[in-house]
Amino acid sequence: MAGICGTDLQILEGYAGFDGIPGHEFVGIVDRTPADDERWIGKRVVGEINIGCGQCSWCRQGVKEHCENRSVLGIRQHGGAFAEFTSLPAVNLHEVPDSIDDETAVFVEPTAAACRIFDQMTIDAVARVAVVGDGRMGLLTAQVLHTATPDVTVFGRHAAKLAIARSLGLQTATSDTAVSPSSRFDIVVDVTGRPEGMRRAIEIVRPRGTVVMKSTFHGEAPIESWPIVVDEVVLLGSRCGPFRPAIELLGSGAVQVKPLISRIARLDEFESAFAEARRGLKVLFAVNR
């Protein structure tokens, strides 16, 4: 199976200049390997999407995400998962335990991206956190952060999506809800995938708070920079993350993904699947259906 994410939708708009088969959230069965990796054959796996050159200083530090010569599954110079077969180096693979079904396993990659925030900063149990954006990545990110602090509020524009957030134990508010200076948040994560999301995040973060930038989109995001300087706001870019804690969170049930799935489609239904992904939550492809 493979999942459509916001980045895939942005690729159709020109993001990253990618020309090829998209798709980077997947679970699959290893079919064929080089002789040295035959132990992987038949295993059910998910895969890290960045493929490093193995030679540069970043790769030698074990940080293939910033390899200058990297390719990225379905995003940069490497065909993606919306196909019958895709390929990755064995070092990128993680076996999926039997306790996690295919529909849940598709969410390992985006859940890992949310877990990356924990690598970059400390979030304690008294932190007040806001997630701007009520889409699939917003609801995933909010759940991951909710494992660190009970005070997580999702800001969004869609009543149905905010209702799902509440069913997952999260607090909610509409995007235009006024936030007084005394009620601003310690940490605000922008996962809207829209330029206006960054502006809203800066509006509702407290002085010396942190805005985490998770949105990737085609085009520019014009913002006023003076509030960042005057309020001494930290801007933190955050991208791909660790798979092992993501698998643990999904396996334990701490992060719930079934409420986020709005449709499971065949690959030949790609036009309607992408159209639904633009207005709904998570659309999955059952590749061999």
Protein backbone atom coordinates (compact mmCIF):
# COMPACT_ATOMS: atom_id res chain seq x y z
CA MET A 1 0.00 0.00 0.00
CA ALA A 2 1.03 3.61 -0.49
CA GLY A 3 -0.36 6.89 0.81
CA ILE A 4 -0.93 10.26 -0.83
CA CYS A 5 0.51 13.09 1.25
CA GLY A 6 0.57 16.86 0.95
CA THR A 7 4.02 16.80 -0.65
CA ASP A 8 2.69 14.58 -3.44
CA LEU A 9 -0.03 17.13 -4.11
CA GLN A 10 2.54 19.94 -4.16
CA ILE A 11 4.68 17.96 -6.60
CA LEU A 12 1.78 18.17 -9.05
CA GLU A 13 2.00 21.95 -8.67
CA GLY A 14 5.74 21.95 -9.43
CA TYR A 15 7.34 21.49 -6.02
CA ALA A 16 10.96 20.24 -6.23
CA GLY A 17 10.78 20.11 -10.03
CA PHE A 18 10.27 16.35 -9.84
CA ASP A 19 9.57 14.43 -13.03
CA GLY A 20 8.70 10.81 -12.42
CA ILE A 21 6.50 8.50 -10.36
CA PRO A 22 5.64 10.11 -6.99
CA GLY A 23 4.87 8.41 -3.70
CA HIS A 24 7.06 7.99 -0.62
CA GLU A 25 4.77 6.64 2.11
CA PHE A 26 4.47 2.89 1.65
CA VAL A 27 4.55 -0.63 3.02
CA GLY A 28 5.57 -3.52 0.81
CA ILE A 29 7.06 -7.00 0.54
CA VAL A 30 10.70 -7.33 -0.51
CA ASP A 31 10.70 -9.25 -3.79
CA ARG A 32 14.29 -9.16 -5.03
CA THR A 33 17.69 -8.14 -3.64
CA PRO A 34 21.40 -8.38 -4.35
CA ALA A 35 23.00 -11.53 -2.98
CA ASP A 36 24.29 -9.77 0.15
CA ASP A 37 20.79 -8.68 1.16
CA GLU A 38 18.81 -11.87 0.52
CA ARG A 39 17.73 -12.04 4.17
CA TRP A 40 15.24 -9.27 3.35
CA ILE A 41 13.35 -11.28 0.72
CA GLY A 42 9.75 -11.89 1.76
CA LYS A 43 9.83 -9.43 4.65
CA ARG A 44 7.16 -6.75 5.02
CA VAL A 45 8.91 -3.40 5.24
CA VAL A 46 8.66 0.35 5.26
CA GLY A 47 11.51 2.53 4.07
CA GLU A 48 13.36 5.75 4.80
CA ILE A 49 13.08 7.95 1.73
CA ASN A 50 16.50 9.67 1.57
CA ILE A 51 19.19 7.81 -0.36
CA GLY A 52 22.67 9.13 0.37
CA CYS A 53 25.81 8.82 -1.71
CA GLY A 54 27.65 7.15 1.18
CA GLN A 55 30.82 9.16 0.54
CA CYS A 56 30.23 12.79 1.56
CA SER A 57 30.80 14.28 5.01
CA TRP A 58 27.06 14.17 5.79
CA CYS A 59 26.81 10.48 4.93
CA ARG A 60 29.93 9.69 6.96
CA GLN A 61 28.13 11.29 9.93
CA GLY A 62 25.09 9.11 9.27
CA VAL A 63 22.96 12.05 8.12
CA LYS A 64 21.90 11.04 4.62
CA GLU A 65 18.96 13.50 4.83
CA HIS A 66 21.39 16.33 4.01
CA CYS A 67 23.68 14.52 1.58
CA GLU A 68 24.32 16.99 -1.24
CA ASN A 69 24.11 14.15 -3.76
CA ARG A 70 21.08 12.42 -2.30
CA SER A 71 18.06 11.20 -4.16
CA VAL A 72 14.66 11.03 -2.46
CA LEU A 73 12.02 8.39 -3.09
CA GLY A 74 9.27 9.87 -5.22
CA ILE A 75 10.56 13.43 -4.74
CA ARG A 76 14.06 13.81 -6.13
CA GLN A 77 15.71 11.74 -8.86
CA HIS A 78 14.22 8.43 -7.72
CA GLY A 79 10.96 6.83 -8.80
CA GLY A 80 8.37 6.53 -6.05
CA ALA A 81 5.90 4.10 -4.53
CA PHE A 82 2.80 4.69 -6.68
CA ALA A 83 3.81 1.71 -8.80
CA GLU A 84 3.78 -2.08 -8.67
CA PHE A 85 7.48 -2.09 -7.76
CA THR A 86 9.80 0.44 -6.20
CA SER A 87 13.40 0.18 -5.00
CA LEU A 88 15.44 1.30 -2.01
CA PRO A 89 18.81 0.35 -0.53
CA ALA A 90 18.49 -2.31 2.17
CA VAL A 91 19.99 0.10 4.71
CA ASN A 92 16.82 2.22 4.36
CA LEU A 93 14.45 -0.62 5.24
CA HIS A 94 12.66 -1.37 8.52
CA GLU A 95 10.74 -4.59 9.05
CA VAL A 96 7.13 -4.10 10.12
CA PRO A 97 6.00 -6.19 13.12
CA ASP A 98 2.95 -8.43 12.72
CA SER A 99 1.08 -6.27 15.25
CA ILE A 100 0.88 -3.42 12.71
CA ASP A 101 -1.40 -3.94 9.71
CA ASP A 102 -0.74 -2.55 6.24
CA GLU A 103 -3.08 0.41 6.52
CA THR A 104 -1.33 1.54 9.69
CA ALA A 105 2.17 0.82 8.38
CA VAL A 106 1.71 3.29 5.53
CA PHE A 107 1.77 6.02 8.19
CA VAL A 108 5.24 5.17 9.53
CA GLU A 109 7.04 7.71 7.34
CA PRO A 110 4.86 10.73 8.22
CA THR A 111 4.74 9.69 11.88
CA ALA A 112 8.55 9.57 11.83
CA ALA A 113 8.56 13.11 10.43
CA ALA A 114 6.50 14.22 13.43
CA CYS A 115 8.88 12.38 15.77
CA ARG A 116 11.75 14.42 14.34
CA ILE A 117 10.57 17.35 16.48
CA PHE A 118 11.58 15.41 19.60
CA ASP A 119 15.12 15.09 18.19
CA GLN A 120 15.33 18.84 17.70
CA MET A 121 13.90 20.22 20.93
CA THR A 122 12.72 19.26 24.40
CA ILE A 123 8.98 19.29 25.00
CA ASP A 124 8.07 18.85 28.65
CA ALA A 125 4.74 17.98 30.21
CA VAL A 126 3.82 21.62 30.95
CA ALA A 127 4.46 22.92 27.43
CA ARG A 128 1.51 24.51 25.64
CA VAL A 129 1.52 23.37 22.01
CA ALA A 130 -0.51 24.45 19.01
CA VAL A 131 -0.66 22.64 15.68
CA VAL A 132 -1.83 24.87 12.82
CA GLY A 133 -3.53 22.69 10.24
CA ASP A 134 -6.18 19.99 10.66
CA GLY A 135 -5.16 17.78 7.74
CA ARG A 136 -3.58 14.34 7.82
CA MET A 137 -0.13 15.59 8.87
CA GLY A 138 -1.59 17.98 11.40
CA LEU A 139 -3.59 15.24 13.12
CA LEU A 140 -0.57 12.92 13.12
CA THR A 141 1.77 15.60 14.48
CA ALA A 142 -0.67 16.60 17.20
CA GLN A 143 -1.00 13.00 18.37
CA VAL A 144 2.77 12.53 18.49
CA LEU A 145 3.24 15.73 20.50
CA HIS A 146 0.37 14.72 22.77
CA THR A 147 2.54 11.85 24.01
CA ALA A 148 4.83 14.50 25.58
CA THR A 149 2.32 17.05 26.87
CA PRO A 150 -1.45 16.97 27.47
CA ASP A 151 -1.90 20.57 26.30
CA VAL A 152 -2.10 20.28 22.49
CA THR A 153 -4.57 22.36 20.47
CA VAL A 154 -5.28 21.80 16.76
CA PHE A 155 -6.27 24.91 14.79
CA GLY A 156 -8.19 24.18 11.61
CA ARG A 157 -10.84 25.20 9.12
CA HIS A 158 -12.86 22.00 8.77
CA ALA A 159 -15.50 20.97 11.30
CA ALA A 160 -15.30 17.26 10.40
CA LYS A 161 -11.52 17.14 10.77
CA LEU A 162 -11.60 19.02 14.05
CA ALA A 163 -14.20 16.54 15.28
CA ILE A 164 -11.74 13.72 14.52
CA ALA A 165 -9.08 15.62 16.46
CA ARG A 166 -11.38 15.82 19.49
CA SER A 167 -12.17 12.11 19.22
CA LEU A 168 -8.43 11.50 19.48
CA GLY A 169 -8.26 13.44 22.75
CA LEU A 170 -6.96 16.70 21.33
CA GLN A 171 -8.18 20.23 21.99
CA THR A 172 -9.37 22.19 18.94
CA ALA A 173 -10.04 25.73 17.74
CA THR A 174 -11.01 27.25 14.43
CA SER A 175 -8.25 28.88 12.41
CA ASP A 176 -9.55 32.39 13.07
CA THR A 177 -9.97 31.96 16.84
CA ALA A 178 -8.51 34.97 18.62
CA VAL A 179 -5.51 34.24 20.83
CA SER A 180 -4.75 36.89 23.45
CA PRO A 181 -1.15 37.82 24.25
CA SER A 182 -1.40 36.00 27.57
CA SER A 183 -2.72 32.83 25.89
CA ARG A 184 -0.09 32.42 23.21
CA PHE A 185 1.67 29.08 22.90
CA ASP A 186 5.16 27.88 23.80
CA ILE A 187 5.46 25.84 20.61
CA VAL A 188 3.50 26.22 17.38
CA VAL A 189 3.84 23.74 14.51
CA ASP A 190 2.76 24.79 11.01
CA VAL A 191 1.53 21.83 9.00
CA THR A 192 -0.98 23.64 6.79
CA GLY A 193 0.96 23.26 3.56
CA ARG A 194 -0.06 26.85 2.79
CA PRO A 195 1.81 30.18 2.96
CA GLU A 196 -0.70 31.64 5.40
CA GLY A 197 0.05 28.89 7.90
CA MET A 198 3.44 30.36 8.77
CA ARG A 199 1.91 33.79 9.34
CA ARG A 200 -0.69 32.33 11.69
CA ALA A 201 1.94 30.36 13.58
CA ILE A 202 3.99 33.50 14.21
CA GLU A 203 0.86 35.31 15.41
CA ILE A 204 0.04 32.80 18.15
CA VAL A 205 3.49 31.86 19.49
CA ARG A 206 4.62 33.54 22.71
CA PRO A 207 7.76 35.69 22.94
CA ARG A 208 10.83 33.43 22.97
CA GLY A 209 8.66 30.57 21.82
CA THR A 210 9.38 28.24 18.91
CA VAL A 211 7.66 27.92 15.55
CA VAL A 212 8.29 24.54 13.92
CA MET A 213 8.01 24.65 10.15
CA LYS A 214 6.68 21.38 8.73
CA SER A 215 4.98 22.70 5.58
CA THR A 216 6.54 22.09 2.19
CA PHE A 217 4.84 23.74 -0.76
CA HIS A 218 5.52 25.16 -4.18
CA GLY A 219 6.04 28.93 -4.10
CA GLU A 220 6.89 31.56 -1.52
CA ALA A 221 5.52 32.35 1.94
CA PRO A 222 5.59 36.13 2.48
CA ILE A 223 5.75 37.02 6.18
CA GLU A 224 6.46 40.09 8.29
CA SER A 225 9.82 39.49 9.92
CA TRP A 226 9.71 42.15 12.65
CA PRO A 227 7.56 40.08 15.09
CA ILE A 228 10.12 37.28 14.88
CA VAL A 229 12.90 39.69 15.84
CA VAL A 230 10.98 41.70 18.46
CA ASP A 231 9.55 38.59 20.16
CA GLU A 232 12.80 36.64 19.74
CA VAL A 233 10.97 33.72 18.16
CA VAL A 234 12.91 30.63 17.17
CA LEU A 235 12.12 29.28 13.69
CA LEU A 236 12.87 25.57 13.43
CA GLY A 237 12.79 23.73 10.12
CA SER A 238 11.85 20.08 10.54
CA ARG A 239 11.70 17.37 7.92
CA CYS A 240 12.25 13.59 7.93
CA GLY A 241 12.53 11.67 11.17
CA PRO A 242 13.39 8.40 12.92
CA PHE A 243 11.41 5.30 11.96
CA ARG A 244 11.97 3.21 15.10
CA PRO A 245 10.02 5.46 17.53
CA ALA A 246 7.34 5.93 14.88
CA ILE A 247 6.86 2.17 14.60
CA GLU A 248 6.68 1.95 18.40
CA LEU A 249 4.03 4.69 18.65
CA LEU A 250 1.89 3.10 15.95
CA GLY A 251 2.32 -0.38 17.38
CA SER A 252 1.34 0.72 20.89
CA GLY A 253 -1.75 2.59 19.71
CA ALA A 254 -0.48 5.90 21.10
CA VAL A 255 -0.96 7.30 17.58
CA GLN A 256 -4.22 6.31 15.88
CA VAL A 257 -4.42 6.46 12.09
CA LYS A 258 -7.55 4.57 11.04
CA PRO A 259 -9.78 7.64 11.64
CA LEU A 260 -7.60 9.54 9.14
CA ILE A 261 -8.21 7.18 6.20
CA SER A 262 -10.94 8.50 3.93
CA ARG A 263 -10.48 6.10 0.99
CA ILE A 264 -8.52 3.12 -0.30
CA ALA A 265 -8.18 3.28 -4.09
CA ARG A 266 -6.63 1.29 -6.92
CA LEU A 267 -3.74 2.80 -8.85
CA ASP A 268 -5.91 3.13 -11.97
CA GLU A 269 -8.23 5.37 -9.93
CA PHE A 270 -5.43 7.91 -9.46
CA GLU A 271 -7.32 10.91 -10.85
CA SER A 272 -10.23 10.66 -8.44
CA ALA A 273 -7.89 9.56 -5.63
CA PHE A 274 -5.76 12.68 -5.95
CA ALA A 275 -8.88 14.85 -6.20
CA GLU A 276 -10.22 13.35 -2.98
CA ALA A 277 -6.85 13.75 -1.25
CA ARG A 278 -7.06 17.50 -1.92
CA ARG A 279 -10.32 17.86 -0.04
CA GLY A 280 -10.31 14.96 2.41
CA LEU A 281 -7.87 13.24 4.70
CA LYS A 282 -5.72 10.23 3.86
CA VAL A 283 -6.18 8.37 0.59
CA LEU A 284 -4.28 5.12 0.22
CA PHE A 285 -3.47 3.10 -2.88
CA ALA A 286 -3.84 -0.66 -2.62
CA VAL A 287 -1.20 -1.24 -5.26
CA ASN A 288 -2.00 -4.79 -6.26
CA ARG A 289 -5.77 -4.62 -5.88
